[in-house]
Amino acid sequence: MSTNTPSYMILDLWMAFGFDSLEFNAYITEQGPCHTWGKLLDIARGIRTPCAQQVDNEDNWCVLVEGHEGPCYGQDDVGAPNDLLVKYYTLKGGVV
């Protein structure tokens, strides 16, 4: 039995969270199936909730963990982490 998570299962969860199916292949190719699956499970489990306060402009949300001390930093400040949690909360309009 294979220990790999089938990509159709990953895609199903990807789309259940509202991510664009057309972005899936590029993301999973760059990040790998294990990383992608793990990030999607982070969203499902709600392990860490980002601060999600608006930073600088309407499309830039704080990527730090909720309840952090100090200033908020958006994706523009820290670089593109390919963090699906940030992308998920951005899709939801920053609503946690």
C-alpha atoms as a PDB file:
ATOM      1  CA  MET A   1       0.000   0.000   0.000  1.00  0.00           C
ATOM      2  CA  SER A   2       1.297   3.428  -0.924  1.00  0.00           C
ATOM      3  CA  THR A   3       2.095   5.883   1.847  1.00  0.00           C
ATOM      4  CA  ASN A   4       1.543   8.882  -0.434  1.00  0.00           C
ATOM      5  CA  THR A   5      -1.651  10.872  -0.178  1.00  0.00           C
ATOM      6  CA  PRO A   6      -3.392  10.682  -3.570  1.00  0.00           C
ATOM      7  CA  SER A   7      -3.466  14.043  -5.295  1.00  0.00           C
ATOM      8  CA  TYR A   8      -7.225  13.813  -5.898  1.00  0.00           C
ATOM      9  CA  MET A   9      -7.761  13.809  -2.110  1.00  0.00           C
ATOM     10  CA  ILE A  10      -5.524  16.836  -1.745  1.00  0.00           C
ATOM     11  CA  LEU A  11      -7.334  18.621  -4.585  1.00  0.00           C
ATOM     12  CA  ASP A  12     -10.715  17.831  -3.019  1.00  0.00           C
ATOM     13  CA  LEU A  13      -9.711  19.444   0.280  1.00  0.00           C
ATOM     14  CA  TRP A  14      -8.058  22.332  -1.622  1.00  0.00           C
ATOM     15  CA  MET A  15     -11.313  23.119  -3.393  1.00  0.00           C
ATOM     16  CA  ALA A  16     -13.409  22.613  -0.237  1.00  0.00           C
ATOM     17  CA  PHE A  17     -11.568  25.577   1.282  1.00  0.00           C
ATOM     18  CA  GLY A  18     -12.338  27.718  -1.757  1.00  0.00           C
ATOM     19  CA  PHE A  19      -8.917  27.777  -3.382  1.00  0.00           C
ATOM     20  CA  ASP A  20      -8.818  28.114  -7.159  1.00  0.00           C
ATOM     21  CA  SER A  21      -8.446  24.696  -8.767  1.00  0.00           C
ATOM     22  CA  LEU A  22      -6.353  26.254 -11.533  1.00  0.00           C
ATOM     23  CA  GLU A  23      -3.674  27.176  -8.955  1.00  0.00           C
ATOM     24  CA  PHE A  24      -3.453  23.652  -7.542  1.00  0.00           C
ATOM     25  CA  ASN A  25      -0.959  22.075  -9.955  1.00  0.00           C
ATOM     26  CA  ALA A  26       1.531  24.916  -9.675  1.00  0.00           C
ATOM     27  CA  TYR A  27       1.331  24.927  -5.870  1.00  0.00           C
ATOM     28  CA  ILE A  28       1.652  21.165  -5.399  1.00  0.00           C
ATOM     29  CA  THR A  29       4.499  20.994  -7.932  1.00  0.00           C
ATOM     30  CA  GLU A  30       6.411  23.740  -6.111  1.00  0.00           C
ATOM     31  CA  GLN A  31       5.636  22.703  -2.523  1.00  0.00           C
ATOM     32  CA  GLY A  32       5.192  18.958  -2.891  1.00  0.00           C
ATOM     33  CA  PRO A  33       2.185  16.826  -1.929  1.00  0.00           C
ATOM     34  CA  CYS A  34       3.204  16.246   1.698  1.00  0.00           C
ATOM     35  CA  HIS A  35       3.661  19.950   2.445  1.00  0.00           C
ATOM     36  CA  THR A  36       0.424  20.824   0.644  1.00  0.00           C
ATOM     37  CA  TRP A  37      -1.534  18.138   2.514  1.00  0.00           C
ATOM     38  CA  GLY A  38      -0.081  19.271   5.838  1.00  0.00           C
ATOM     39  CA  LYS A  39      -0.966  22.916   5.231  1.00  0.00           C
ATOM     40  CA  LEU A  40      -4.518  22.004   4.268  1.00  0.00           C
ATOM     41  CA  LEU A  41      -4.842  19.931   7.434  1.00  0.00           C
ATOM     42  CA  ASP A  42      -3.599  22.940   9.442  1.00  0.00           C
ATOM     43  CA  ILE A  43      -6.574  24.872   8.096  1.00  0.00           C
ATOM     44  CA  ALA A  44      -8.965  22.019   8.842  1.00  0.00           C
ATOM     45  CA  ARG A  45      -7.680  21.656  12.385  1.00  0.00           C
ATOM     46  CA  GLY A  46      -7.444  25.363  13.021  1.00  0.00           C
ATOM     47  CA  ILE A  47      -4.067  24.816  14.706  1.00  0.00           C
ATOM     48  CA  ARG A  48      -3.010  28.426  14.466  1.00  0.00           C
ATOM     49  CA  THR A  49      -5.115  31.383  13.618  1.00  0.00           C
ATOM     50  CA  PRO A  50      -3.335  34.289  11.990  1.00  0.00           C
ATOM     51  CA  CYS A  51      -3.769  37.755  13.422  1.00  0.00           C
ATOM     52  CA  ALA A  52      -5.440  38.765  10.123  1.00  0.00           C
ATOM     53  CA  GLN A  53      -5.409  42.478  10.919  1.00  0.00           C
ATOM     54  CA  GLN A  54      -5.260  44.642   7.825  1.00  0.00           C
ATOM     55  CA  VAL A  55      -1.781  45.998   7.086  1.00  0.00           C
ATOM     56  CA  ASP A  56      -1.056  48.810   4.611  1.00  0.00           C
ATOM     57  CA  ASN A  57      -3.804  48.007   2.093  1.00  0.00           C
ATOM     58  CA  GLU A  58      -6.962  45.959   1.727  1.00  0.00           C
ATOM     59  CA  ASP A  59      -5.194  42.875   0.333  1.00  0.00           C
ATOM     60  CA  ASN A  60      -2.375  42.683   2.883  1.00  0.00           C
ATOM     61  CA  TRP A  61      -3.198  40.880   6.147  1.00  0.00           C
ATOM     62  CA  CYS A  62      -0.986  40.235   9.166  1.00  0.00           C
ATOM     63  CA  VAL A  63       0.679  36.827   8.842  1.00  0.00           C
ATOM     64  CA  LEU A  64       1.701  36.516  12.496  1.00  0.00           C
ATOM     65  CA  VAL A  65      -0.143  34.292  14.938  1.00  0.00           C
ATOM     66  CA  GLU A  66      -3.189  35.775  16.630  1.00  0.00           C
ATOM     67  CA  GLY A  67      -2.342  37.416  19.959  1.00  0.00           C
ATOM     68  CA  HIS A  68       1.243  38.280  19.002  1.00  0.00           C
ATOM     69  CA  GLU A  69       2.991  41.207  20.654  1.00  0.00           C
ATOM     70  CA  GLY A  70       4.328  44.108  18.654  1.00  0.00           C
ATOM     71  CA  PRO A  71       3.460  45.421  15.208  1.00  0.00           C
ATOM     72  CA  CYS A  72       1.622  43.515  12.532  1.00  0.00           C
ATOM     73  CA  TYR A  73       3.517  42.303   9.491  1.00  0.00           C
ATOM     74  CA  GLY A  74       1.864  41.518   6.198  1.00  0.00           C
ATOM     75  CA  GLN A  75       3.013  39.228   3.455  1.00  0.00           C
ATOM     76  CA  ASP A  76       4.548  42.239   1.716  1.00  0.00           C
ATOM     77  CA  ASP A  77       6.765  42.770   4.794  1.00  0.00           C
ATOM     78  CA  VAL A  78       8.008  39.205   5.262  1.00  0.00           C
ATOM     79  CA  GLY A  79       8.000  37.831   1.728  1.00  0.00           C
ATOM     80  CA  ALA A  80       5.800  35.267   0.097  1.00  0.00           C
ATOM     81  CA  PRO A  81       5.739  32.171   2.321  1.00  0.00           C
ATOM     82  CA  ASN A  82       3.252  30.233   0.205  1.00  0.00           C
ATOM     83  CA  ASP A  83       1.337  29.791   3.421  1.00  0.00           C
ATOM     84  CA  LEU A  84      -2.107  28.428   2.656  1.00  0.00           C
ATOM     85  CA  LEU A  85      -3.397  29.640   6.022  1.00  0.00           C
ATOM     86  CA  VAL A  86      -2.728  33.246   5.026  1.00  0.00           C
ATOM     87  CA  LYS A  87      -4.232  32.635   1.599  1.00  0.00           C
ATOM     88  CA  TYR A  88      -7.311  31.027   3.155  1.00  0.00           C
ATOM     89  CA  TYR A  89      -7.952  33.947   5.515  1.00  0.00           C
ATOM     90  CA  THR A  90      -7.296  36.409   2.697  1.00  0.00           C
ATOM     91  CA  LEU A  91      -9.959  34.605   0.622  1.00  0.00           C
ATOM     92  CA  LYS A  92     -12.330  34.919   3.554  1.00  0.00           C
ATOM     93  CA  GLY A  93     -11.697  38.677   3.717  1.00  0.00           C
ATOM     94  CA  GLY A  94      -9.508  38.453   6.796  1.00  0.00           C
ATOM     95  CA  VAL A  95     -12.374  37.077   8.845  1.00  0.00           C
ATOM     96  CA  VAL A  96     -11.169  34.549  11.384  1.00  0.00           C
END
